[in-house]
Amino acid sequence: MPRYLIIPIIICTLSLSECRNNSNEHTIPDVRVNIDIDVNLPQYNNLNFIGGWVYLKGGYNGIIVHRSTVDVLAAYERQAPYLVEEGCRIDVDSNGVTCRDHCSGSEWLLFDGQLVKGPAPYPLKQYRSSFDGVRLSIRN
């Protein structure tokens, strides 16, 4: 193979692999999250019902906690994963099933954080959570 072709091939290969490696990464900055809540406290009463949700302080721009089943509570970052530099927050829709970024119009399911519609390239950023029936722990 001629030497003059080797360098362009290497550059193209590295460029393509770099794009592929970053395609599924969120652009939301990582911040420390270490939250424990007792779902029996009055301010978390909505979490005692399937489909219930609450907003929490923490994360990069707030956290949404959603109860999808009897045993599963999920914690999502409220910062929209699209145009992060604009600082748009995600709000839960009145139906309690979806949430929306009003800056871009993107919409996600609260049950799994997957994109339903809109230009956002990512699902919701989800934090690790564990639930023992009373205490919910949220970490990253």
C-alpha atoms as a PDB file:
ATOM      1  CA  MET A   1       0.000   0.000   0.000  1.00  0.00           C
ATOM      2  CA  PRO A   2       1.408   3.421  -0.896  1.00  0.00           C
ATOM      3  CA  ARG A   3       2.594   5.458   2.069  1.00  0.00           C
ATOM      4  CA  TYR A   4       0.620   8.538   1.039  1.00  0.00           C
ATOM      5  CA  LEU A   5      -2.624   6.591   1.691  1.00  0.00           C
ATOM      6  CA  ILE A   6      -1.723   5.302   5.148  1.00  0.00           C
ATOM      7  CA  ILE A   7      -1.981   8.614   7.027  1.00  0.00           C
ATOM      8  CA  PRO A   8      -5.429   9.584   5.616  1.00  0.00           C
ATOM      9  CA  ILE A   9      -6.749   6.092   6.410  1.00  0.00           C
ATOM     10  CA  ILE A  10      -5.483   6.308   9.999  1.00  0.00           C
ATOM     11  CA  ILE A  11      -6.995   9.773  10.468  1.00  0.00           C
ATOM     12  CA  CYS A  12     -10.373   8.657   9.082  1.00  0.00           C
ATOM     13  CA  THR A  13     -10.394   5.545  11.255  1.00  0.00           C
ATOM     14  CA  LEU A  14      -9.601   7.504  14.422  1.00  0.00           C
ATOM     15  CA  SER A  15     -12.185  10.159  13.595  1.00  0.00           C
ATOM     16  CA  LEU A  16     -14.944   7.612  13.050  1.00  0.00           C
ATOM     17  CA  SER A  17     -14.138   5.640  16.190  1.00  0.00           C
ATOM     18  CA  GLU A  18     -14.142   8.827  18.293  1.00  0.00           C
ATOM     19  CA  CYS A  19     -17.615   9.761  17.035  1.00  0.00           C
ATOM     20  CA  ARG A  20     -18.922   6.287  17.669  1.00  0.00           C
ATOM     21  CA  ASN A  21     -17.557   6.214  21.230  1.00  0.00           C
ATOM     22  CA  ASN A  22     -19.284   9.451  22.205  1.00  0.00           C
ATOM     23  CA  SER A  23     -22.629   8.890  20.480  1.00  0.00           C
ATOM     24  CA  ASN A  24     -24.398   7.514  23.572  1.00  0.00           C
ATOM     25  CA  GLU A  25     -22.821   9.713  26.222  1.00  0.00           C
ATOM     26  CA  HIS A  26     -24.814  12.412  27.927  1.00  0.00           C
ATOM     27  CA  THR A  27     -23.444  15.919  27.777  1.00  0.00           C
ATOM     28  CA  ILE A  28     -24.891  16.719  31.221  1.00  0.00           C
ATOM     29  CA  PRO A  29     -22.000  17.255  33.639  1.00  0.00           C
ATOM     30  CA  ASP A  30     -21.659  14.650  36.371  1.00  0.00           C
ATOM     31  CA  VAL A  31     -22.217  15.896  39.910  1.00  0.00           C
ATOM     32  CA  ARG A  32     -22.182  13.964  43.163  1.00  0.00           C
ATOM     33  CA  VAL A  33     -25.584  12.591  44.151  1.00  0.00           C
ATOM     34  CA  ASN A  34     -26.071  10.934  47.540  1.00  0.00           C
ATOM     35  CA  ILE A  35     -29.707  11.240  48.648  1.00  0.00           C
ATOM     36  CA  ASP A  36     -31.776   9.120  51.044  1.00  0.00           C
ATOM     37  CA  ILE A  37     -35.495   9.768  51.546  1.00  0.00           C
ATOM     38  CA  ASP A  38     -38.216   8.119  53.599  1.00  0.00           C
ATOM     39  CA  VAL A  39     -41.237   7.783  51.300  1.00  0.00           C
ATOM     40  CA  ASN A  40     -43.561   7.773  54.331  1.00  0.00           C
ATOM     41  CA  LEU A  41     -42.816  11.445  55.063  1.00  0.00           C
ATOM     42  CA  PRO A  42     -45.655  13.787  53.999  1.00  0.00           C
ATOM     43  CA  GLN A  43     -43.626  15.631  51.344  1.00  0.00           C
ATOM     44  CA  TYR A  44     -43.086  12.319  49.504  1.00  0.00           C
ATOM     45  CA  ASN A  45     -46.687  11.071  49.747  1.00  0.00           C
ATOM     46  CA  ASN A  46     -47.046  10.962  45.929  1.00  0.00           C
ATOM     47  CA  LEU A  47     -44.407   8.220  45.836  1.00  0.00           C
ATOM     48  CA  ASN A  48     -46.725   5.854  47.698  1.00  0.00           C
ATOM     49  CA  PHE A  49     -48.766   5.376  44.512  1.00  0.00           C
ATOM     50  CA  ILE A  50     -47.767   3.778  41.203  1.00  0.00           C
ATOM     51  CA  GLY A  51     -47.303   6.607  38.724  1.00  0.00           C
ATOM     52  CA  GLY A  52     -46.586   9.103  41.517  1.00  0.00           C
ATOM     53  CA  TRP A  53     -43.640  11.459  41.267  1.00  0.00           C
ATOM     54  CA  VAL A  54     -41.830  14.246  43.135  1.00  0.00           C
ATOM     55  CA  TYR A  55     -39.104  16.770  42.396  1.00  0.00           C
ATOM     56  CA  LEU A  56     -35.970  16.755  44.546  1.00  0.00           C
ATOM     57  CA  LYS A  57     -33.095  19.187  44.903  1.00  0.00           C
ATOM     58  CA  GLY A  58     -29.803  17.714  43.785  1.00  0.00           C
ATOM     59  CA  GLY A  59     -28.176  16.446  40.657  1.00  0.00           C
ATOM     60  CA  TYR A  60     -27.136  18.991  38.060  1.00  0.00           C
ATOM     61  CA  ASN A  61     -30.489  20.790  37.734  1.00  0.00           C
ATOM     62  CA  GLY A  62     -32.807  18.866  40.059  1.00  0.00           C
ATOM     63  CA  ILE A  63     -34.118  15.297  40.151  1.00  0.00           C
ATOM     64  CA  ILE A  64     -37.440  13.679  39.245  1.00  0.00           C
ATOM     65  CA  VAL A  65     -38.340  10.571  41.252  1.00  0.00           C
ATOM     66  CA  HIS A  66     -41.056   8.399  39.709  1.00  0.00           C
ATOM     67  CA  ARG A  67     -42.705   5.247  41.028  1.00  0.00           C
ATOM     68  CA  SER A  68     -43.225   2.909  38.080  1.00  0.00           C
ATOM     69  CA  THR A  69     -44.201  -0.268  39.987  1.00  0.00           C
ATOM     70  CA  VAL A  70     -44.767  -1.383  43.576  1.00  0.00           C
ATOM     71  CA  ASP A  71     -41.054  -2.128  43.957  1.00  0.00           C
ATOM     72  CA  VAL A  72     -39.396   0.277  41.511  1.00  0.00           C
ATOM     73  CA  LEU A  73     -38.701   3.981  41.946  1.00  0.00           C
ATOM     74  CA  ALA A  74     -36.556   5.639  39.282  1.00  0.00           C
ATOM     75  CA  ALA A  75     -34.571   8.869  39.668  1.00  0.00           C
ATOM     76  CA  TYR A  76     -33.903  11.057  36.620  1.00  0.00           C
ATOM     77  CA  GLU A  77     -31.929  14.254  36.111  1.00  0.00           C
ATOM     78  CA  ARG A  78     -34.186  17.271  35.437  1.00  0.00           C
ATOM     79  CA  GLN A  79     -31.640  18.902  33.149  1.00  0.00           C
ATOM     80  CA  ALA A  80     -32.725  18.358  29.559  1.00  0.00           C
ATOM     81  CA  PRO A  81     -30.155  16.251  27.683  1.00  0.00           C
ATOM     82  CA  TYR A  82     -30.541  18.467  24.609  1.00  0.00           C
ATOM     83  CA  LEU A  83     -28.828  21.868  24.397  1.00  0.00           C
ATOM     84  CA  VAL A  84     -27.527  21.518  27.953  1.00  0.00           C
ATOM     85  CA  GLU A  85     -25.900  24.953  27.791  1.00  0.00           C
ATOM     86  CA  GLU A  86     -29.387  26.539  27.706  1.00  0.00           C
ATOM     87  CA  GLY A  87     -30.165  25.087  31.163  1.00  0.00           C
ATOM     88  CA  CYS A  88     -33.670  23.883  30.291  1.00  0.00           C
ATOM     89  CA  ARG A  89     -35.391  21.883  33.012  1.00  0.00           C
ATOM     90  CA  ILE A  90     -37.660  18.942  32.409  1.00  0.00           C
ATOM     91  CA  ASP A  91     -41.168  19.149  33.870  1.00  0.00           C
ATOM     92  CA  VAL A  92     -43.565  16.268  34.466  1.00  0.00           C
ATOM     93  CA  ASP A  93     -46.679  16.549  32.287  1.00  0.00           C
ATOM     94  CA  SER A  94     -50.109  16.668  33.917  1.00  0.00           C
ATOM     95  CA  ASN A  95     -50.759  13.096  32.723  1.00  0.00           C
ATOM     96  CA  GLY A  96     -47.990  11.843  35.066  1.00  0.00           C
ATOM     97  CA  VAL A  97     -46.761   9.472  32.352  1.00  0.00           C
ATOM     98  CA  THR A  98     -44.432  11.726  30.369  1.00  0.00           C
ATOM     99  CA  CYS A  99     -42.158  14.672  30.999  1.00  0.00           C
ATOM    100  CA  ARG A 100     -41.155  17.466  28.674  1.00  0.00           C
ATOM    101  CA  ASP A 101     -38.394  19.921  27.893  1.00  0.00           C
ATOM    102  CA  HIS A 102     -40.267  23.089  26.921  1.00  0.00           C
ATOM    103  CA  CYS A 103     -37.208  24.583  25.198  1.00  0.00           C
ATOM    104  CA  SER A 104     -37.005  21.883  22.519  1.00  0.00           C
ATOM    105  CA  GLY A 105     -40.389  20.173  22.858  1.00  0.00           C
ATOM    106  CA  SER A 106     -38.724  16.810  23.515  1.00  0.00           C
ATOM    107  CA  GLU A 107     -40.794  14.358  25.540  1.00  0.00           C
ATOM    108  CA  TRP A 108     -39.793  11.233  27.515  1.00  0.00           C
ATOM    109  CA  LEU A 109     -41.614   8.393  29.273  1.00  0.00           C
ATOM    110  CA  LEU A 110     -41.256   8.445  33.048  1.00  0.00           C
ATOM    111  CA  PHE A 111     -41.453   4.658  33.284  1.00  0.00           C
ATOM    112  CA  ASP A 112     -38.113   4.111  31.552  1.00  0.00           C
ATOM    113  CA  GLY A 113     -36.757   7.536  30.537  1.00  0.00           C
ATOM    114  CA  GLN A 114     -36.946   6.776  26.806  1.00  0.00           C
ATOM    115  CA  LEU A 115     -37.513   9.536  24.271  1.00  0.00           C
ATOM    116  CA  VAL A 116     -41.056   9.656  22.855  1.00  0.00           C
ATOM    117  CA  LYS A 117     -40.661  12.619  20.514  1.00  0.00           C
ATOM    118  CA  GLY A 118     -38.517  15.641  19.810  1.00  0.00           C
ATOM    119  CA  PRO A 119     -34.974  16.432  18.740  1.00  0.00           C
ATOM    120  CA  ALA A 120     -33.203  15.276  21.928  1.00  0.00           C
ATOM    121  CA  PRO A 121     -30.604  12.628  21.044  1.00  0.00           C
ATOM    122  CA  TYR A 122     -30.629  10.866  24.420  1.00  0.00           C
ATOM    123  CA  PRO A 123     -32.957   9.246  26.941  1.00  0.00           C
ATOM    124  CA  LEU A 124     -33.213  10.867  30.365  1.00  0.00           C
ATOM    125  CA  LYS A 125     -30.096  10.647  32.494  1.00  0.00           C
ATOM    126  CA  GLN A 126     -30.944   8.128  35.200  1.00  0.00           C
ATOM    127  CA  TYR A 127     -29.347   7.885  38.628  1.00  0.00           C
ATOM    128  CA  ARG A 128     -28.837   4.590  40.439  1.00  0.00           C
ATOM    129  CA  SER A 129     -31.567   4.036  43.001  1.00  0.00           C
ATOM    130  CA  SER A 130     -32.459   1.334  45.493  1.00  0.00           C
ATOM    131  CA  PHE A 131     -35.695   1.001  47.420  1.00  0.00           C
ATOM    132  CA  ASP A 132     -36.373  -1.201  50.459  1.00  0.00           C
ATOM    133  CA  GLY A 133     -40.085  -0.430  50.755  1.00  0.00           C
ATOM    134  CA  VAL A 134     -39.585   2.642  52.954  1.00  0.00           C
ATOM    135  CA  ARG A 135     -36.214   4.233  52.205  1.00  0.00           C
ATOM    136  CA  LEU A 136     -35.133   5.305  48.730  1.00  0.00           C
ATOM    137  CA  SER A 137     -31.405   5.793  48.105  1.00  0.00           C
ATOM    138  CA  ILE A 138     -30.257   7.721  45.036  1.00  0.00           C
ATOM    139  CA  ARG A 139     -26.607   7.668  43.960  1.00  0.00           C
ATOM    140  CA  ASN A 140     -24.443   8.172  40.923  1.00  0.00           C
END
